[in-house]
Protein backbone atom coordinates (compact mmCIF):
# COMPACT_ATOMS: atom_id res chain seq x y z
CA MET A 1 -1.88 -45.62 74.51
CA ARG A 2 -3.92 -46.54 71.43
CA ARG A 3 -6.00 -43.68 70.10
CA THR A 4 -9.51 -44.67 69.10
CA ARG A 5 -11.37 -42.08 67.12
CA THR A 6 -14.70 -40.97 68.45
CA LEU A 7 -16.03 -41.76 65.01
CA GLN A 8 -16.35 -45.41 66.01
CA ARG A 9 -19.13 -44.55 68.42
CA SER A 10 -20.90 -42.58 65.71
CA ALA A 11 -20.73 -45.07 62.85
CA ARG A 12 -24.51 -44.89 62.58
CA LYS A 13 -24.50 -41.15 62.02
CA ARG A 14 -24.56 -39.55 58.60
CA THR A 15 -21.63 -37.25 59.30
CA PRO A 16 -18.12 -37.64 60.69
CA PHE A 17 -18.40 -34.25 62.38
CA PRO A 18 -19.60 -33.56 65.94
CA THR A 19 -23.39 -33.21 66.03
CA VAL A 20 -25.43 -30.78 68.10
CA ALA A 21 -29.23 -30.85 68.46
CA LEU A 22 -31.58 -28.09 69.58
CA VAL A 23 -34.63 -28.98 71.68
CA GLY A 24 -37.01 -26.75 73.57
CA TYR A 25 -40.51 -25.59 74.33
CA THR A 26 -42.35 -23.92 71.50
CA ASN A 27 -41.54 -20.21 71.19
CA ALA A 28 -38.38 -20.56 73.30
CA GLY A 29 -36.45 -19.16 70.34
CA LYS A 30 -34.87 -22.34 68.95
CA SER A 31 -35.19 -21.40 65.30
CA THR A 32 -33.98 -17.86 65.94
CA LEU A 33 -30.94 -19.27 67.73
CA PHE A 34 -30.44 -21.76 64.89
CA ASN A 35 -30.39 -18.89 62.41
CA ARG A 36 -28.01 -16.89 64.59
CA LEU A 37 -25.50 -19.74 65.02
CA THR A 38 -25.55 -20.93 61.41
CA ASN A 39 -26.44 -17.76 59.47
CA ALA A 40 -29.37 -19.72 58.08
CA GLU A 41 -32.83 -18.50 57.16
CA VAL A 42 -35.22 -20.91 58.87
CA VAL A 43 -38.82 -20.02 59.65
CA ALA A 44 -39.01 -18.49 63.13
CA GLN A 45 -42.65 -17.85 63.91
CA ASP A 46 -44.67 -17.41 67.08
CA MET A 47 -46.79 -20.50 66.47
CA LEU A 48 -46.99 -24.12 67.51
CA PHE A 49 -44.91 -26.65 65.57
CA ALA A 50 -43.40 -24.10 63.18
CA THR A 51 -40.60 -26.66 62.69
CA LEU A 52 -42.04 -30.13 62.14
CA ASP A 53 -38.94 -31.74 60.68
CA PRO A 54 -35.36 -31.31 61.86
CA THR A 55 -33.44 -28.79 59.83
CA ILE A 56 -29.71 -29.43 59.59
CA ARG A 57 -26.97 -26.92 58.88
CA ALA A 58 -23.20 -26.63 59.22
CA LEU A 59 -21.92 -25.00 62.39
CA LYS A 60 -18.43 -23.56 62.79
CA LEU A 61 -16.89 -23.91 66.25
CA PRO A 62 -14.56 -21.21 67.65
CA ASP A 63 -11.37 -22.97 66.56
CA GLY A 64 -12.70 -23.38 63.02
CA ARG A 65 -13.72 -27.01 63.37
CA PRO A 66 -16.94 -27.92 61.56
CA ALA A 67 -19.92 -29.36 63.38
CA VAL A 68 -23.53 -30.09 62.47
CA LEU A 69 -26.49 -28.37 64.13
CA SER A 70 -30.06 -29.68 63.88
CA ASP A 71 -33.23 -27.86 64.86
CA THR A 72 -36.13 -30.02 66.04
CA VAL A 73 -39.79 -29.60 66.85
CA GLY A 74 -40.90 -27.28 69.64
CA PHE A 75 -42.93 -28.89 72.42
CA ILE A 76 -45.99 -27.95 74.42
CA SER A 77 -47.38 -29.30 77.67
CA ASP A 78 -49.67 -32.35 77.59
CA LEU A 79 -48.66 -33.23 74.06
CA PRO A 80 -51.24 -35.71 72.68
CA HIS A 81 -50.06 -39.28 72.21
CA GLU A 82 -50.70 -39.13 68.47
CA LEU A 83 -48.37 -36.14 68.08
CA VAL A 84 -45.73 -37.71 70.31
CA GLU A 85 -45.64 -40.70 67.95
CA ALA A 86 -45.56 -38.42 64.89
CA PHE A 87 -42.51 -36.62 66.27
CA ARG A 88 -40.58 -39.77 67.07
CA ALA A 89 -38.77 -39.86 63.73
CA THR A 90 -37.93 -36.15 63.88
CA LEU A 91 -35.98 -36.63 67.10
CA GLU A 92 -33.50 -39.23 65.92
CA GLU A 93 -30.97 -36.40 65.76
CA VAL A 94 -31.42 -35.87 69.50
CA LYS A 95 -30.71 -39.53 70.24
CA GLU A 96 -27.56 -39.47 68.12
CA ALA A 97 -26.29 -35.99 69.03
CA ASP A 98 -22.98 -35.49 70.77
CA VAL A 99 -24.39 -32.42 72.55
CA VAL A 100 -28.01 -31.39 73.13
CA LEU A 101 -28.83 -27.69 73.55
CA HIS A 102 -32.01 -27.31 75.59
CA VAL A 103 -33.29 -23.83 74.70
CA ARG A 104 -35.38 -22.13 77.38
CA ASP A 105 -37.20 -18.80 77.41
CA ILE A 106 -35.57 -17.52 80.58
CA ALA A 107 -37.74 -14.37 80.51
CA SER A 108 -40.91 -16.44 80.87
CA GLU A 109 -42.41 -17.05 84.31
CA GLU A 110 -43.16 -20.58 83.09
CA SER A 111 -39.58 -21.35 82.11
CA LYS A 112 -39.01 -24.10 84.70
CA ALA A 113 -42.38 -25.75 84.02
CA GLN A 114 -41.76 -25.63 80.28
CA ALA A 115 -38.34 -27.21 80.73
CA GLU A 116 -39.93 -30.06 82.65
CA ASP A 117 -42.51 -30.51 79.88
CA VAL A 118 -39.69 -30.88 77.35
CA ARG A 119 -37.97 -33.51 79.48
CA THR A 120 -41.26 -35.38 79.92
CA VAL A 121 -41.95 -35.52 76.19
CA LEU A 122 -38.40 -36.60 75.39
CA SER A 123 -38.68 -39.35 77.99
CA ARG A 124 -41.90 -40.55 76.32
CA LEU A 125 -39.98 -40.67 73.06
CA GLY A 126 -37.27 -42.82 74.58
CA VAL A 127 -34.63 -40.08 74.84
CA ASP A 128 -32.80 -40.48 78.16
CA MET A 129 -31.81 -36.93 79.05
CA ASP A 130 -29.72 -38.21 81.97
CA GLU A 131 -27.43 -39.93 79.47
CA ARG A 132 -27.08 -36.93 77.17
CA ARG A 133 -24.54 -34.16 77.36
CA ILE A 134 -26.93 -31.28 77.96
CA VAL A 135 -26.32 -27.55 77.85
CA GLU A 136 -29.24 -25.38 78.90
CA VAL A 137 -29.44 -22.28 76.72
CA TRP A 138 -31.19 -19.57 78.68
CA ASN A 139 -32.49 -17.50 75.79
CA LYS A 140 -34.13 -14.06 75.57
CA ALA A 141 -31.70 -12.42 77.97
CA ASP A 142 -32.46 -9.14 76.19
CA LEU A 143 -35.97 -9.21 77.67
CA LEU A 144 -34.75 -9.34 81.28
CA PRO A 145 -34.46 -6.18 83.37
CA PRO A 146 -30.80 -5.38 84.22
CA GLU A 147 -31.08 -6.65 87.81
CA GLU A 148 -32.65 -9.94 86.76
CA ARG A 149 -30.13 -10.34 83.95
CA ALA A 150 -27.21 -10.04 86.36
CA GLU A 151 -28.84 -12.58 88.66
CA ALA A 152 -29.43 -14.94 85.71
CA VAL A 153 -25.74 -14.74 84.76
CA ASN A 154 -24.76 -15.88 88.25
CA ASP A 155 -27.42 -18.61 88.28
CA ALA A 156 -26.20 -19.91 84.91
CA ARG A 157 -22.65 -20.26 86.24
CA ARG A 158 -23.89 -22.45 89.08
CA ALA A 159 -26.43 -24.45 87.08
CA HIS A 160 -26.35 -28.20 86.55
CA PRO A 161 -26.52 -29.19 83.78
CA PRO A 162 -24.38 -26.29 82.50
CA ALA A 163 -26.28 -23.21 81.36
CA VAL A 164 -25.37 -20.26 79.15
CA LEU A 165 -27.34 -17.00 79.09
CA VAL A 166 -27.89 -15.78 75.53
CA SER A 167 -30.03 -13.61 73.32
CA ALA A 168 -30.61 -15.17 69.93
CA VAL A 169 -31.92 -11.79 68.72
CA THR A 170 -28.88 -9.68 69.68
CA GLY A 171 -26.22 -12.41 69.65
CA GLN A 172 -25.32 -11.85 73.30
CA GLY A 173 -23.67 -14.94 74.78
CA CYS A 174 -23.62 -16.92 71.52
CA ASP A 175 -19.81 -16.96 71.34
CA ASP A 176 -19.72 -18.27 74.91
CA LEU A 177 -22.23 -20.95 73.94
CA LEU A 178 -20.10 -22.10 71.01
CA GLY A 179 -17.10 -22.24 73.32
CA VAL A 180 -18.97 -24.53 75.70
CA VAL A 181 -20.03 -26.77 72.82
CA ALA A 182 -16.44 -26.94 71.56
CA SER A 183 -15.19 -27.97 75.01
CA LEU A 184 -17.73 -30.80 75.12
CA VAL A 185 -16.79 -32.24 71.74
CA ASP A 186 -13.02 -31.98 72.17
CA GLU A 187 -11.51 -35.33 71.36
CA ALA A 188 -9.01 -36.85 73.78
CA PRO A 189 -7.37 -40.27 73.95
CA PRO A 190 -9.97 -42.60 75.47
CA VAL A 191 -9.56 -44.27 78.83
CA ASP A 192 -11.18 -47.40 80.22
CA VAL A 193 -13.37 -46.79 83.24
CA TYR A 194 -14.38 -49.77 85.38
CA ALA A 195 -17.44 -48.98 87.49
CA PRO A 196 -18.47 -51.53 90.13
CA ALA A 197 -22.06 -52.72 90.44
CA GLY A 198 -24.45 -50.10 91.72
CA GLU A 199 -22.54 -47.13 90.32
CA GLY A 200 -25.26 -45.94 87.97
CA ALA A 201 -24.61 -42.32 88.87
CA ALA A 202 -20.98 -42.60 87.76
CA ILE A 203 -21.99 -44.18 84.46
CA ALA A 204 -24.63 -41.52 83.78
CA TRP A 205 -22.06 -38.82 84.58
CA LEU A 206 -19.68 -40.24 81.97
CA TYR A 207 -22.42 -40.26 79.33
CA ARG A 208 -23.21 -36.62 80.08
CA HIS A 209 -19.67 -35.31 80.22
CA GLY A 210 -17.71 -37.65 77.95
CA ARG A 211 -17.89 -39.45 74.65
CA VAL A 212 -18.56 -43.14 75.19
CA ILE A 213 -16.97 -45.33 72.54
CA GLU A 214 -17.57 -48.82 73.92
CA ARG A 215 -19.53 -50.38 76.75
CA SER A 216 -19.24 -53.84 78.29
CA ASP A 217 -21.55 -55.05 81.05
CA GLY A 218 -20.19 -57.69 83.43
CA LYS A 219 -22.25 -60.53 84.85
CA ASP A 220 -21.65 -59.14 88.35
CA GLY A 221 -23.29 -55.82 87.42
CA SER A 222 -20.03 -53.98 86.82
CA VAL A 223 -19.60 -51.85 83.71
CA ARG A 224 -16.54 -51.05 81.59
CA LEU A 225 -16.72 -47.94 79.45
CA ALA A 226 -14.16 -46.79 76.91
CA VAL A 227 -14.72 -43.04 77.08
CA SER A 228 -13.05 -39.88 75.80
CA LEU A 229 -12.99 -37.05 78.34
CA THR A 230 -11.39 -33.64 78.49
CA ALA A 231 -8.62 -33.36 81.08
CA GLN A 232 -10.89 -31.21 83.24
CA ALA A 233 -13.76 -33.70 83.07
CA LEU A 234 -11.43 -36.61 83.87
CA GLY A 235 -10.17 -34.80 86.96
CA GLN A 236 -13.73 -34.06 88.09
CA PHE A 237 -14.74 -37.68 87.61
CA GLU A 238 -11.81 -38.95 89.66
CA GLN A 239 -12.83 -36.64 92.52
CA LEU A 240 -16.53 -37.46 92.34
CA TYR A 241 -16.27 -41.23 91.87
CA PRO A 242 -13.00 -42.49 93.39
CA GLN A 243 -14.41 -46.01 93.62
CA SER A 244 -14.25 -46.34 89.82
CA GLU A 245 -10.98 -47.58 88.33
CA ILE A 246 -9.43 -45.74 85.38
CA ARG A 247 -6.92 -47.36 83.02
CA ALA A 248 -5.26 -46.39 79.75
CA HIS A 249 -7.29 -47.67 76.79
C-alpha cells in the first residue's frame, strides 16, 4: 500500500502541522480556552468582537506532536451583512483547518440558539460545517450546578458531532479535549472509497471523520475519495455505509 502524506491535501496551508480552529458565539470563552490550551496571553474580554483577527499559536498534543491553533472572531445573532463580509478573510483558517472546535457556553440558557447562530454565519461565509470535522466544546462547566454538570457529561458522550465538557477557567476537561483532537488528526495509510451516486451522506461523513487527500467525481454521479481514517472510523464507516466500496490506495 502506498503511503500518501496528509500534507498533500494541505499544500495550500502555511504549516505542515495539523491545524485546529476555534469558532463560537461571542463570550463563549474562546479566547480563554485558547490561552489555556496554548499558555498564551490573548485578550479575553466580555465584549463583542474582542478578537477581530485570527490569532495563531503552537499547540502541543498529548503525544508531544505539534499542532497549530487559531482563534477567530466571536459571533452574534443577526450579524449585519457588512460585518459578515469584513470577517470573511479572518475565517480562512476555519476553511483550511483539519479540526474545528465549536466553543459553546453550556451554562447559558441560549446555548443551543447561539450555536445555531454560529452555524448560520459560517454558512453565509461559505464554510460548510457538514464537511468539517467538528468537536463541540461545551465550556463553562464550572458554572453548572453539580446535578446539571453530571447530566451534561452524559449528554456530551452521546452528542453528534462529538462534544467535550470543559472549563477553560479551571482546566477541567482540557486534557480530554486534546486527546479527542489528537485522535482526529492521527495519520493512517489512505484508502480509496468509491461512493455510488446519491451517497452524499457517506461523502459528508468522510469529510467530517477523515482526512480527504483526493477527490474524483464520475460522470455517473459517483465519487472516489482518497481518505485517511483511523481504524475506528474506518470500521464505523463500513458499518454505516456498506454500499460504498473500500480499496487499498
